[in-house]
PDB file of all heavy atoms in Angstrom:
ATOM      1  N   LYS A   1       0.838  -1.189   0.000  1.00  0.00           N
ATOM      2  CA  LYS A   1       0.000   0.000   0.000  1.00  0.00           C
ATOM      3  C   LYS A   1       0.881   1.250   0.000  1.00  0.00           C
ATOM      4  O   LYS A   1       2.091   1.188   0.197  1.00  0.00           O
ATOM      5  CB  LYS A   1      -0.910   0.008   1.230  1.00  0.00           C
ATOM      6  CG  LYS A   1      -1.869  -1.172   1.313  1.00  0.00           C
ATOM      7  CD  LYS A   1      -2.724  -1.077   2.568  1.00  0.00           C
ATOM      8  CE  LYS A   1      -3.644  -2.279   2.712  1.00  0.00           C
ATOM      9  NZ  LYS A   1      -4.464  -2.196   3.951  1.00  0.00           N
ATOM     10  N   SER A   2       0.239   2.401  -0.204  1.00  0.00           N
ATOM     11  CA  SER A   2       0.934   3.682  -0.120  1.00  0.00           C
ATOM     12  C   SER A   2       0.490   4.402   1.144  1.00  0.00           C
ATOM     13  O   SER A   2      -0.477   4.020   1.801  1.00  0.00           O
ATOM     14  CB  SER A   2       0.610   4.536  -1.349  1.00  0.00           C
ATOM     15  OG  SER A   2       0.962   3.871  -2.535  1.00  0.00           O
ATOM     16  N   TYR A   3       1.219   5.457   1.487  1.00  0.00           N
ATOM     17  CA  TYR A   3       0.850   6.308   2.609  1.00  0.00           C
ATOM     18  C   TYR A   3       0.240   7.615   2.095  1.00  0.00           C
ATOM     19  O   TYR A   3       0.566   8.073   1.006  1.00  0.00           O
ATOM     20  CB  TYR A   3       2.071   6.643   3.463  1.00  0.00           C
ATOM     21  CG  TYR A   3       2.684   5.458   4.166  1.00  0.00           C
ATOM     22  CD1 TYR A   3       3.799   4.822   3.636  1.00  0.00           C
ATOM     23  CD2 TYR A   3       2.149   4.980   5.359  1.00  0.00           C
ATOM     24  CE1 TYR A   3       4.373   3.732   4.278  1.00  0.00           C
ATOM     25  CE2 TYR A   3       2.722   3.887   6.009  1.00  0.00           C
ATOM     26  CZ  TYR A   3       3.830   3.271   5.455  1.00  0.00           C
ATOM     27  OH  TYR A   3       4.395   2.190   6.082  1.00  0.00           O
ATOM     28  N   ASN A   4      -0.617   8.202   2.900  1.00  0.00           N
ATOM     29  CA  ASN A   4      -1.125   9.548   2.654  1.00  0.00           C
ATOM     30  C   ASN A   4      -0.292  10.463   3.551  1.00  0.00           C
ATOM     31  O   ASN A   4      -0.484  10.498   4.763  1.00  0.00           O
ATOM     32  CB  ASN A   4      -2.612   9.611   2.997  1.00  0.00           C
ATOM     33  CG  ASN A   4      -3.241  10.938   2.632  1.00  0.00           C
ATOM     34  OD1 ASN A   4      -2.561  11.914   2.350  1.00  0.00           O
ATOM     35  ND2 ASN A   4      -4.564  10.981   2.664  1.00  0.00           N
ATOM     36  N   THR A   5       0.631  11.204   2.956  1.00  0.00           N
ATOM     37  CA  THR A   5       1.700  11.847   3.720  1.00  0.00           C
ATOM     38  C   THR A   5       1.748  13.351   3.516  1.00  0.00           C
ATOM     39  O   THR A   5       1.694  13.840   2.388  1.00  0.00           O
ATOM     40  CB  THR A   5       3.061  11.237   3.317  1.00  0.00           C
ATOM     41  OG1 THR A   5       3.015   9.819   3.526  1.00  0.00           O
ATOM     42  CG2 THR A   5       4.191  11.830   4.132  1.00  0.00           C
ATOM     43  N   SER A   6       1.877  14.061   4.626  1.00  0.00           N
ATOM     44  CA  SER A   6       2.044  15.504   4.634  1.00  0.00           C
ATOM     45  C   SER A   6       3.506  15.836   4.910  1.00  0.00           C
ATOM     46  O   SER A   6       4.159  15.166   5.717  1.00  0.00           O
ATOM     47  CB  SER A   6       1.156  16.131   5.712  1.00  0.00           C
ATOM     48  OG  SER A   6       1.229  17.538   5.676  1.00  0.00           O
ATOM     49  N   VAL A   7       4.005  16.872   4.246  1.00  0.00           N
ATOM     50  CA  VAL A   7       5.416  17.233   4.345  1.00  0.00           C
ATOM     51  C   VAL A   7       5.534  18.684   4.800  1.00  0.00           C
ATOM     52  O   VAL A   7       4.871  19.571   4.259  1.00  0.00           O
ATOM     53  CB  VAL A   7       6.124  17.043   2.981  1.00  0.00           C
ATOM     54  CG1 VAL A   7       7.595  17.440   3.079  1.00  0.00           C
ATOM     55  CG2 VAL A   7       6.006  15.596   2.522  1.00  0.00           C
ATOM     56  N   ALA A   8       6.385  18.918   5.793  1.00  0.00           N
ATOM     57  CA  ALA A   8       6.677  20.266   6.268  1.00  0.00           C
ATOM     58  C   ALA A   8       7.995  20.724   5.651  1.00  0.00           C
ATOM     59  O   ALA A   8       9.001  20.021   5.719  1.00  0.00           O
ATOM     60  CB  ALA A   8       6.777  20.286   7.792  1.00  0.00           C
ATOM     61  N   ILE A   9       7.970  21.915   5.057  1.00  0.00           N
ATOM     62  CA  ILE A   9       9.123  22.464   4.341  1.00  0.00           C
ATOM     63  C   ILE A   9       9.392  23.862   4.890  1.00  0.00           C
ATOM     64  O   ILE A   9       8.476  24.678   4.992  1.00  0.00           O
ATOM     65  CB  ILE A   9       8.825  22.543   2.829  1.00  0.00           C
ATOM     66  CG1 ILE A   9       8.538  21.149   2.263  1.00  0.00           C
ATOM     67  CG2 ILE A   9       9.977  23.198   2.086  1.00  0.00           C
ATOM     68  CD1 ILE A   9       7.984  21.162   0.842  1.00  0.00           C
ATOM     69  N   ASP A  10      10.646  24.143   5.245  1.00  0.00           N
ATOM     70  CA  ASP A  10      10.953  25.476   5.762  1.00  0.00           C
ATOM     71  C   ASP A  10      11.225  26.460   4.634  1.00  0.00           C
ATOM     72  O   ASP A  10      11.233  26.095   3.447  1.00  0.00           O
ATOM     73  CB  ASP A  10      12.098  25.430   6.783  1.00  0.00           C
ATOM     74  CG  ASP A  10      13.458  25.089   6.180  1.00  0.00           C
ATOM     75  OD1 ASP A  10      13.642  25.184   4.952  1.00  0.00           O
ATOM     76  OD2 ASP A  10      14.363  24.726   6.970  1.00  0.00           O
ATOM     77  N   ALA A  11      11.448  27.720   4.990  1.00  0.00           N
ATOM     78  CA  ALA A  11      11.596  28.772   3.988  1.00  0.00           C
ATOM     79  C   ALA A  11      12.915  28.679   3.222  1.00  0.00           C
ATOM     80  O   ALA A  11      13.100  29.393   2.227  1.00  0.00           O
ATOM     81  CB  ALA A  11      11.470  30.139   4.646  1.00  0.00           C
ATOM     82  N   ASN A  12      13.800  27.794   3.659  1.00  0.00           N
ATOM     83  CA  ASN A  12      15.013  27.510   2.893  1.00  0.00           C
ATOM     84  C   ASN A  12      14.804  26.372   1.893  1.00  0.00           C
ATOM     85  O   ASN A  12      15.730  25.983   1.191  1.00  0.00           O
ATOM     86  CB  ASN A  12      16.165  27.151   3.833  1.00  0.00           C
ATOM     87  CG  ASN A  12      16.583  28.305   4.712  1.00  0.00           C
ATOM     88  OD1 ASN A  12      16.693  29.438   4.239  1.00  0.00           O
ATOM     89  ND2 ASN A  12      16.796  28.031   5.993  1.00  0.00           N
ATOM     90  N   GLY A  13      13.592  25.826   1.878  1.00  0.00           N
ATOM     91  CA  GLY A  13      13.290  24.731   0.964  1.00  0.00           C
ATOM     92  C   GLY A  13      13.687  23.370   1.488  1.00  0.00           C
ATOM     93  O   GLY A  13      13.709  22.398   0.720  1.00  0.00           O
ATOM     94  N   GLU A  14      13.954  23.255   2.780  1.00  0.00           N
ATOM     95  CA  GLU A  14      14.357  21.981   3.364  1.00  0.00           C
ATOM     96  C   GLU A  14      13.158  21.255   3.970  1.00  0.00           C
ATOM     97  O   GLU A  14      12.321  21.872   4.642  1.00  0.00           O
ATOM     98  CB  GLU A  14      15.415  22.199   4.455  1.00  0.00           C
ATOM     99  CG  GLU A  14      16.697  22.848   3.963  1.00  0.00           C
ATOM    100  CD  GLU A  14      17.426  21.995   2.933  1.00  0.00           C
ATOM    101  OE1 GLU A  14      17.438  20.760   3.089  1.00  0.00           O
ATOM    102  OE2 GLU A  14      17.980  22.567   1.981  1.00  0.00           O
ATOM    103  N   ILE A  15      13.070  19.949   3.731  1.00  0.00           N
ATOM    104  CA  ILE A  15      12.048  19.132   4.384  1.00  0.00           C
ATOM    105  C   ILE A  15      12.460  18.933   5.843  1.00  0.00           C
ATOM    106  O   ILE A  15      13.543  18.428   6.121  1.00  0.00           O
ATOM    107  CB  ILE A  15      11.882  17.777   3.680  1.00  0.00           C
ATOM    108  CG1 ILE A  15      11.304  17.981   2.272  1.00  0.00           C
ATOM    109  CG2 ILE A  15      10.979  16.854   4.494  1.00  0.00           C
ATOM    110  CD1 ILE A  15      11.208  16.710   1.460  1.00  0.00           C
ATOM    111  N   VAL A  16      11.583  19.337   6.768  1.00  0.00           N
ATOM    112  CA  VAL A  16      11.916  19.241   8.187  1.00  0.00           C
ATOM    113  C   VAL A  16      11.101  18.175   8.913  1.00  0.00           C
ATOM    114  O   VAL A  16      11.458  17.784  10.030  1.00  0.00           O
ATOM    115  CB  VAL A  16      11.761  20.609   8.879  1.00  0.00           C
ATOM    116  CG1 VAL A  16      12.734  21.619   8.289  1.00  0.00           C
ATOM    117  CG2 VAL A  16      10.328  21.137   8.791  1.00  0.00           C
ATOM    118  N   ALA A  17      10.005  17.707   8.303  1.00  0.00           N
ATOM    119  CA  ALA A  17       9.192  16.667   8.941  1.00  0.00           C
ATOM    120  C   ALA A  17       8.231  16.103   7.917  1.00  0.00           C
ATOM    121  O   ALA A  17       7.911  16.747   6.912  1.00  0.00           O
ATOM    122  CB  ALA A  17       8.413  17.226  10.135  1.00  0.00           C
ATOM    123  N   LYS A  18       7.751  14.883   8.185  1.00  0.00           N
ATOM    124  CA  LYS A  18       6.635  14.352   7.413  1.00  0.00           C
ATOM    125  C   LYS A  18       5.727  13.568   8.345  1.00  0.00           C
ATOM    126  O   LYS A  18       6.170  12.980   9.331  1.00  0.00           O
ATOM    127  CB  LYS A  18       7.101  13.505   6.229  1.00  0.00           C
ATOM    128  CG  LYS A  18       7.710  12.164   6.564  1.00  0.00           C
ATOM    129  CD  LYS A  18       8.053  11.408   5.269  1.00  0.00           C
ATOM    130  CE  LYS A  18       8.590  10.007   5.579  1.00  0.00           C
ATOM    131  NZ  LYS A  18       8.905   9.260   4.343  1.00  0.00           N
ATOM    132  N   TYR A  19       4.447  13.593   8.023  1.00  0.00           N
ATOM    133  CA  TYR A  19       3.430  12.934   8.829  1.00  0.00           C
ATOM    134  C   TYR A  19       2.585  12.058   7.931  1.00  0.00           C
ATOM    135  O   TYR A  19       2.099  12.510   6.880  1.00  0.00           O
ATOM    136  CB  TYR A  19       2.538  13.969   9.526  1.00  0.00           C
ATOM    137  CG  TYR A  19       1.249  13.383  10.067  1.00  0.00           C
ATOM    138  CD1 TYR A  19       1.251  12.565  11.196  1.00  0.00           C
ATOM    139  CD2 TYR A  19       0.030  13.614   9.422  1.00  0.00           C
ATOM    140  CE1 TYR A  19       0.072  12.003  11.671  1.00  0.00           C
ATOM    141  CE2 TYR A  19      -1.148  13.063   9.898  1.00  0.00           C
ATOM    142  CZ  TYR A  19      -1.125  12.255  11.018  1.00  0.00           C
ATOM    143  OH  TYR A  19      -2.283  11.681  11.488  1.00  0.00           O
ATOM    144  N   ARG A  20       2.387  10.812   8.333  1.00  0.00           N
ATOM    145  CA  ARG A  20       1.540   9.878   7.594  1.00  0.00           C
ATOM    146  C   ARG A  20       0.180   9.770   8.288  1.00  0.00           C
ATOM    147  O   ARG A  20       0.102   9.485   9.485  1.00  0.00           O
ATOM    148  CB  ARG A  20       2.220   8.510   7.529  1.00  0.00           C
ATOM    149  CG  ARG A  20       3.461   8.508   6.641  1.00  0.00           C
ATOM    150  CD  ARG A  20       4.292   7.267   6.835  1.00  0.00           C
ATOM    151  NE  ARG A  20       5.311   7.132   5.795  1.00  0.00           N
ATOM    152  CZ  ARG A  20       6.285   6.220   5.809  1.00  0.00           C
ATOM    153  NH1 ARG A  20       6.365   5.343   6.817  1.00  0.00           N
ATOM    154  NH2 ARG A  20       7.163   6.157   4.828  1.00  0.00           N
ATOM    155  N   LYS A  21      -0.867  10.008   7.519  1.00  0.00           N
ATOM    156  CA  LYS A  21      -2.238  10.033   8.057  1.00  0.00           C
ATOM    157  C   LYS A  21      -2.532   8.782   8.880  1.00  0.00           C
ATOM    158  O   LYS A  21      -2.339   7.652   8.409  1.00  0.00           O
ATOM    159  CB  LYS A  21      -3.216  10.161   6.898  1.00  0.00           C
ATOM    160  CG  LYS A  21      -4.678  10.298   7.287  1.00  0.00           C
ATOM    161  CD  LYS A  21      -5.519  10.463   6.023  1.00  0.00           C
ATOM    162  CE  LYS A  21      -6.986  10.598   6.315  1.00  0.00           C
ATOM    163  NZ  LYS A  21      -7.766  10.704   5.052  1.00  0.00           N
ATOM    164  N   ILE A  22      -3.021   8.988  10.087  1.00  0.00           N
ATOM    165  CA  ILE A  22      -3.265   7.883  11.018  1.00  0.00           C
ATOM    166  C   ILE A  22      -4.652   7.279  10.831  1.00  0.00           C
ATOM    167  O   ILE A  22      -4.817   6.052  10.809  1.00  0.00           O
ATOM    168  CB  ILE A  22      -3.091   8.375  12.471  1.00  0.00           C
ATOM    169  CG1 ILE A  22      -1.611   8.691  12.744  1.00  0.00           C
ATOM    170  CG2 ILE A  22      -3.617   7.341  13.465  1.00  0.00           C
ATOM    171  CD1 ILE A  22      -1.356   9.332  14.102  1.00  0.00           C
ATOM    172  N   HIS A  23      -5.673   8.111  10.708  1.00  0.00           N
ATOM    173  CA  HIS A  23      -7.056   7.626  10.690  1.00  0.00           C
ATOM    174  C   HIS A  23      -7.541   7.452   9.252  1.00  0.00           C
ATOM    175  O   HIS A  23      -7.580   8.406   8.482  1.00  0.00           O
ATOM    176  CB  HIS A  23      -7.959   8.597  11.438  1.00  0.00           C
ATOM    177  CG  HIS A  23      -7.594   8.734  12.891  1.00  0.00           C
ATOM    178  ND1 HIS A  23      -6.839   9.795  13.363  1.00  0.00           N
ATOM    179  CD2 HIS A  23      -7.858   7.945  13.950  1.00  0.00           C
ATOM    180  CE1 HIS A  23      -6.672   9.645  14.664  1.00  0.00           C
ATOM    181  NE2 HIS A  23      -7.281   8.542  15.051  1.00  0.00           N
ATOM    182  N   MET A  24      -7.924   6.243   8.919  1.00  0.00           N
ATOM    183  CA  MET A  24      -8.381   5.926   7.564  1.00  0.00           C
ATOM    184  C   MET A  24      -9.868   6.243   7.405  1.00  0.00           C
ATOM    185  O   MET A  24     -10.694   5.926   8.271  1.00  0.00           O
ATOM    186  CB  MET A  24      -8.142   4.445   7.255  1.00  0.00           C
ATOM    187  CG  MET A  24      -6.669   4.051   7.234  1.00  0.00           C
ATOM    188  SD  MET A  24      -5.720   4.813   5.882  1.00  0.00           S
ATOM    189  CE  MET A  24      -5.016   6.262   6.710  1.00  0.00           C
ATOM    190  N   PHE A  25     -10.191   6.847   6.283  1.00  0.00           N
ATOM    191  CA  PHE A  25     -11.570   7.229   5.985  1.00  0.00           C
ATOM    192  C   PHE A  25     -12.297   6.026   5.386  1.00  0.00           C
ATOM    193  O   PHE A  25     -12.376   5.858   4.175  1.00  0.00           O
ATOM    194  CB  PHE A  25     -11.562   8.413   5.016  1.00  0.00           C
ATOM    195  CG  PHE A  25     -12.919   9.017   4.759  1.00  0.00           C
ATOM    196  CD1 PHE A  25     -13.580   9.716   5.744  1.00  0.00           C
ATOM    197  CD2 PHE A  25     -13.512   8.901   3.511  1.00  0.00           C
ATOM    198  CE1 PHE A  25     -14.818  10.298   5.501  1.00  0.00           C
ATOM    199  CE2 PHE A  25     -14.752   9.476   3.252  1.00  0.00           C
ATOM    200  CZ  PHE A  25     -15.406  10.171   4.255  1.00  0.00           C
ATOM    201  N   ASP A  26     -12.830   5.190   6.247  1.00  0.00           N
ATOM    202  CA  ASP A  26     -13.610   4.012   5.846  1.00  0.00           C
ATOM    203  C   ASP A  26     -15.071   4.306   6.181  1.00  0.00           C
ATOM    204  O   ASP A  26     -15.546   4.005   7.277  1.00  0.00           O
ATOM    205  CB  ASP A  26     -13.117   2.762   6.580  1.00  0.00           C
ATOM    206  CG  ASP A  26     -11.721   2.339   6.157  1.00  0.00           C
ATOM    207  OD1 ASP A  26     -11.188   2.895   5.178  1.00  0.00           O
ATOM    208  OD2 ASP A  26     -11.149   1.456   6.821  1.00  0.00           O
ATOM    209  N   VAL A  27     -15.785   4.909   5.247  1.00  0.00           N
ATOM    210  CA  VAL A  27     -17.106   5.476   5.522  1.00  0.00           C
ATOM    211  C   VAL A  27     -18.049   5.172   4.365  1.00  0.00           C
ATOM    212  O   VAL A  27     -17.682   5.306   3.193  1.00  0.00           O
ATOM    213  CB  VAL A  27     -17.000   7.010   5.716  1.00  0.00           C
ATOM    214  CG1 VAL A  27     -18.378   7.631   5.883  1.00  0.00           C
ATOM    215  CG2 VAL A  27     -16.129   7.337   6.928  1.00  0.00           C
ATOM    216  N   ALA A  28     -19.270   4.773   4.686  1.00  0.00           N
ATOM    217  CA  ALA A  28     -20.318   4.593   3.680  1.00  0.00           C
ATOM    218  C   ALA A  28     -21.588   5.264   4.194  1.00  0.00           C
ATOM    219  O   ALA A  28     -22.179   4.820   5.177  1.00  0.00           O
ATOM    220  CB  ALA A  28     -20.564   3.116   3.410  1.00  0.00           C
ATOM    221  N   ILE A  29     -21.977   6.362   3.548  1.00  0.00           N
ATOM    222  CA  ILE A  29     -23.182   7.103   3.955  1.00  0.00           C
ATOM    223  C   ILE A  29     -24.137   7.112   2.767  1.00  0.00           C
ATOM    224  O   ILE A  29     -24.053   7.953   1.864  1.00  0.00           O
ATOM    225  CB  ILE A  29     -22.842   8.548   4.364  1.00  0.00           C
ATOM    226  CG1 ILE A  29     -21.757   8.570   5.447  1.00  0.00           C
ATOM    227  CG2 ILE A  29     -24.100   9.256   4.861  1.00  0.00           C
ATOM    228  CD1 ILE A  29     -21.268   9.962   5.803  1.00  0.00           C
ATOM    229  N   GLY A  30     -25.030   6.129   2.736  1.00  0.00           N
ATOM    230  CA  GLY A  30     -26.004   6.015   1.649  1.00  0.00           C
ATOM    231  C   GLY A  30     -25.310   6.042   0.297  1.00  0.00           C
ATOM    232  O   GLY A  30     -24.309   5.372   0.068  1.00  0.00           O
ATOM    233  N   ASP A  31     -25.859   6.837  -0.624  1.00  0.00           N
ATOM    234  CA  ASP A  31     -25.234   6.966  -1.938  1.00  0.00           C
ATOM    235  C   ASP A  31     -24.439   8.268  -2.044  1.00  0.00           C
ATOM    236  O   ASP A  31     -24.043   8.677  -3.137  1.00  0.00           O
ATOM    237  CB  ASP A  31     -26.291   6.903  -3.042  1.00  0.00           C
ATOM    238  CG  ASP A  31     -27.352   8.001  -2.911  1.00  0.00           C
ATOM    239  OD1 ASP A  31     -27.295   8.784  -1.930  1.00  0.00           O
ATOM    240  OD2 ASP A  31     -28.238   8.059  -3.786  1.00  0.00           O
ATOM    241  N   GLN A  32     -24.175   8.897  -0.897  1.00  0.00           N
ATOM    242  CA  GLN A  32     -23.470  10.175  -0.890  1.00  0.00           C
ATOM    243  C   GLN A  32     -21.957  10.018  -0.762  1.00  0.00           C
ATOM    244  O   GLN A  32     -21.192  10.706  -1.435  1.00  0.00           O
ATOM    245  CB  GLN A  32     -23.982  11.054   0.268  1.00  0.00           C
ATOM    246  CG  GLN A  32     -25.447  11.379   0.194  1.00  0.00           C
ATOM    247  CD  GLN A  32     -25.773  12.301  -0.971  1.00  0.00           C
ATOM    248  OE1 GLN A  32     -24.966  13.108  -1.392  1.00  0.00           O
ATOM    249  NE2 GLN A  32     -26.978  12.160  -1.499  1.00  0.00           N
ATOM    250  N   VAL A  33     -21.532   9.143   0.140  1.00  0.00           N
ATOM    251  CA  VAL A  33     -20.106   8.944   0.405  1.00  0.00           C
ATOM    252  C   VAL A  33     -19.841   7.461   0.541  1.00  0.00           C
ATOM    253  O   VAL A  33     -20.514   6.777   1.309  1.00  0.00           O
ATOM    254  CB  VAL A  33     -19.673   9.657   1.711  1.00  0.00           C
ATOM    255  CG1 VAL A  33     -18.185   9.402   1.974  1.00  0.00           C
ATOM    256  CG2 VAL A  33     -19.952  11.153   1.643  1.00  0.00           C
ATOM    257  N   ASN A  34     -18.874   6.959  -0.204  1.00  0.00           N
ATOM    258  CA  ASN A  34     -18.503   5.538  -0.107  1.00  0.00           C
ATOM    259  C   ASN A  34     -17.005   5.418  -0.359  1.00  0.00           C
ATOM    260  O   ASN A  34     -16.548   5.533  -1.491  1.00  0.00           O
ATOM    261  CB  ASN A  34     -19.300   4.699  -1.110  1.00  0.00           C
ATOM    262  CG  ASN A  34     -19.221   3.220  -0.783  1.00  0.00           C
ATOM    263  OD1 ASN A  34     -18.229   2.754  -0.245  1.00  0.00           O
ATOM    264  ND2 ASN A  34     -20.274   2.488  -1.119  1.00  0.00           N
ATOM    265  N   GLU A  35     -16.261   5.209   0.689  1.00  0.00           N
ATOM    266  CA  GLU A  35     -14.801   5.223   0.607  1.00  0.00           C
ATOM    267  C   GLU A  35     -14.242   4.237   1.609  1.00  0.00           C
ATOM    268  O   GLU A  35     -14.718   4.147   2.748  1.00  0.00           O
ATOM    269  CB  GLU A  35     -14.277   6.621   0.925  1.00  0.00           C
ATOM    270  CG  GLU A  35     -12.793   6.801   0.708  1.00  0.00           C
ATOM    271  CD  GLU A  35     -12.452   7.149  -0.731  1.00  0.00           C
ATOM    272  OE1 GLU A  35     -12.936   8.171  -1.234  1.00  0.00           O
ATOM    273  OE2 GLU A  35     -11.705   6.361  -1.335  1.00  0.00           O
ATOM    274  N   THR A  36     -13.236   3.458   1.201  1.00  0.00           N
ATOM    275  CA  THR A  36     -12.541   2.556   2.122  1.00  0.00           C
ATOM    276  C   THR A  36     -11.046   2.752   1.922  1.00  0.00           C
ATOM    277  O   THR A  36     -10.382   1.995   1.215  1.00  0.00           O
ATOM    278  CB  THR A  36     -12.940   1.086   1.882  1.00  0.00           C
ATOM    279  OG1 THR A  36     -14.357   0.975   1.836  1.00  0.00           O
ATOM    280  CG2 THR A  36     -12.407   0.190   3.004  1.00  0.00           C
ATOM    281  N   GLU A  37     -10.510   3.769   2.574  1.00  0.00           N
ATOM    282  CA  GLU A  37      -9.100   4.107   2.372  1.00  0.00           C
ATOM    283  C   GLU A  37      -8.165   2.990   2.815  1.00  0.00           C
ATOM    284  O   GLU A  37      -7.080   2.826   2.251  1.00  0.00           O
ATOM    285  CB  GLU A  37      -8.756   5.390   3.129  1.00  0.00           C
ATOM    286  CG  GLU A  37      -9.276   6.649   2.483  1.00  0.00           C
ATOM    287  CD  GLU A  37      -8.768   7.906   3.150  1.00  0.00           C
ATOM    288  OE1 GLU A  37      -8.305   7.830   4.311  1.00  0.00           O
ATOM    289  OE2 GLU A  37      -8.863   8.973   2.519  1.00  0.00           O
ATOM    290  N   SER A  38      -8.571   2.230   3.811  1.00  0.00           N
ATOM    291  CA  SER A  38      -7.679   1.186   4.317  1.00  0.00           C
ATOM    292  C   SER A  38      -7.413   0.093   3.290  1.00  0.00           C
ATOM    293  O   SER A  38      -6.487  -0.706   3.457  1.00  0.00           O
ATOM    294  CB  SER A  38      -8.247   0.567   5.596  1.00  0.00           C
ATOM    295  OG  SER A  38      -9.512  -0.017   5.350  1.00  0.00           O
ATOM    296  N   ASP A  39      -8.205   0.044   2.211  1.00  0.00           N
ATOM    297  CA  ASP A  39      -7.946  -0.937   1.153  1.00  0.00           C
ATOM    298  C   ASP A  39      -6.662  -0.627   0.391  1.00  0.00           C
ATOM    299  O   ASP A  39      -6.037  -1.532  -0.165  1.00  0.00           O
ATOM    300  CB  ASP A  39      -9.114  -0.972   0.151  1.00  0.00           C
ATOM    301  CG  ASP A  39     -10.333  -1.678   0.691  1.00  0.00           C
ATOM    302  OD1 ASP A  39     -10.221  -2.349   1.733  1.00  0.00           O
ATOM    303  OD2 ASP A  39     -11.406  -1.549   0.072  1.00  0.00           O
ATOM    304  N   PHE A  40      -6.283   0.655   0.346  1.00  0.00           N
ATOM    305  CA  PHE A  40      -5.141   1.020  -0.492  1.00  0.00           C
ATOM    306  C   PHE A  40      -4.154   1.974   0.182  1.00  0.00           C
ATOM    307  O   PHE A  40      -3.110   2.297  -0.387  1.00  0.00           O
ATOM    308  CB  PHE A  40      -5.621   1.633  -1.815  1.00  0.00           C
ATOM    309  CG  PHE A  40      -6.527   2.836  -1.661  1.00  0.00           C
ATOM    310  CD1 PHE A  40      -6.023   4.115  -1.720  1.00  0.00           C
ATOM    311  CD2 PHE A  40      -7.888   2.664  -1.455  1.00  0.00           C
ATOM    312  CE1 PHE A  40      -6.854   5.211  -1.581  1.00  0.00           C
ATOM    313  CE2 PHE A  40      -8.734   3.760  -1.314  1.00  0.00           C
ATOM    314  CZ  PHE A  40      -8.217   5.042  -1.375  1.00  0.00           C
ATOM    315  N   ILE A  41      -4.467   2.419   1.404  1.00  0.00           N
ATOM    316  CA  ILE A  41      -3.569   3.297   2.148  1.00  0.00           C
ATOM    317  C   ILE A  41      -3.146   2.609   3.438  1.00  0.00           C
ATOM    318  O   ILE A  41      -3.976   2.053   4.168  1.00  0.00           O
ATOM    319  CB  ILE A  41      -4.247   4.647   2.470  1.00  0.00           C
ATOM    320  CG1 ILE A  41      -4.596   5.395   1.182  1.00  0.00           C
ATOM    321  CG2 ILE A  41      -3.341   5.506   3.352  1.00  0.00           C
ATOM    322  CD1 ILE A  41      -5.354   6.694   1.412  1.00  0.00           C
ATOM    323  N   GLU A  42      -1.869   2.666   3.722  1.00  0.00           N
ATOM    324  CA  GLU A  42      -1.320   2.153   4.978  1.00  0.00           C
ATOM    325  C   GLU A  42      -1.403   3.273   6.015  1.00  0.00           C
ATOM    326  O   GLU A  42      -0.951   4.399   5.762  1.00  0.00           O
ATOM    327  CB  GLU A  42       0.129   1.731   4.790  1.00  0.00           C
ATOM    328  CG  GLU A  42       0.738   1.023   5.979  1.00  0.00           C
ATOM    329  CD  GLU A  42       0.259  -0.406   6.136  1.00  0.00           C
ATOM    330  OE1 GLU A  42      -0.272  -0.979   5.159  1.00  0.00           O
ATOM    331  OE2 GLU A  42       0.426  -0.962   7.245  1.00  0.00           O
ATOM    332  N   ALA A  43      -1.984   2.979   7.160  1.00  0.00           N
ATOM    333  CA  ALA A  43      -2.126   3.999   8.197  1.00  0.00           C
ATOM    334  C   ALA A  43      -0.781   4.330   8.827  1.00  0.00           C
ATOM    335  O   ALA A  43       0.055   3.443   9.059  1.00  0.00           O
ATOM    336  CB  ALA A  43      -3.093   3.524   9.272  1.00  0.00           C
ATOM    337  N   GLY A  44      -0.576   5.597   9.125  1.00  0.00           N
ATOM    338  CA  GLY A  44       0.590   6.007   9.887  1.00  0.00           C
ATOM    339  C   GLY A  44       0.422   5.642  11.357  1.00  0.00           C
ATOM    340  O   GLY A  44      -0.680   5.306  11.811  1.00  0.00           O
ATOM    341  N   THR A  45       1.493   5.745  12.106  1.00  0.00           N
ATOM    342  CA  THR A  45       1.467   5.348  13.520  1.00  0.00           C
ATOM    343  C   THR A  45       2.022   6.409  14.455  1.00  0.00           C
ATOM    344  O   THR A  45       1.941   6.250  15.672  1.00  0.00           O
ATOM    345  CB  THR A  45       2.266   4.055  13.732  1.00  0.00           C
ATOM    346  OG1 THR A  45       3.622   4.262  13.307  1.00  0.00           O
ATOM    347  CG2 THR A  45       1.663   2.893  12.942  1.00  0.00           C
ATOM    348  N   GLU A  46       2.571   7.495  13.922  1.00  0.00           N
ATOM    349  CA  GLU A  46       3.253   8.471  14.763  1.00  0.00           C
ATOM    350  C   GLU A  46       2.549   9.824  14.759  1.00  0.00           C
ATOM    351  O   GLU A  46       2.138  10.319  13.706  1.00  0.00           O
ATOM    352  CB  GLU A  46       4.692   8.667  14.298  1.00  0.00           C
ATOM    353  CG  GLU A  46       5.571   7.440  14.488  1.00  0.00           C
ATOM    354  CD  GLU A  46       7.003   7.728  14.091  1.00  0.00           C
ATOM    355  OE1 GLU A  46       7.233   8.192  12.963  1.00  0.00           O
ATOM    356  OE2 GLU A  46       7.899   7.482  14.926  1.00  0.00           O
ATOM    357  N   VAL A  47       2.412  10.403  15.939  1.00  0.00           N
ATOM    358  CA  VAL A  47       1.964  11.781  16.091  1.00  0.00           C
ATOM    359  C   VAL A  47       3.191  12.666  15.860  1.00  0.00           C
ATOM    360  O   VAL A  47       4.241  12.444  16.449  1.00  0.00           O
ATOM    361  CB  VAL A  47       1.384  12.010  17.499  1.00  0.00           C
ATOM    362  CG1 VAL A  47       0.961  13.463  17.686  1.00  0.00           C
ATOM    363  CG2 VAL A  47       0.212  11.058  17.752  1.00  0.00           C
TER     364      VAL A  47
END
């Protein structure tokens, strides 16, 4: 699987941190929303 990852970049253009999304959006609300992120995204583990 892949990660859903956020990257922090400082004003010098350097990567200073990255965060991998912890909570997977596995939600089915009628015909409005139907998503199972855990099928293709690996959950992060670190705050």
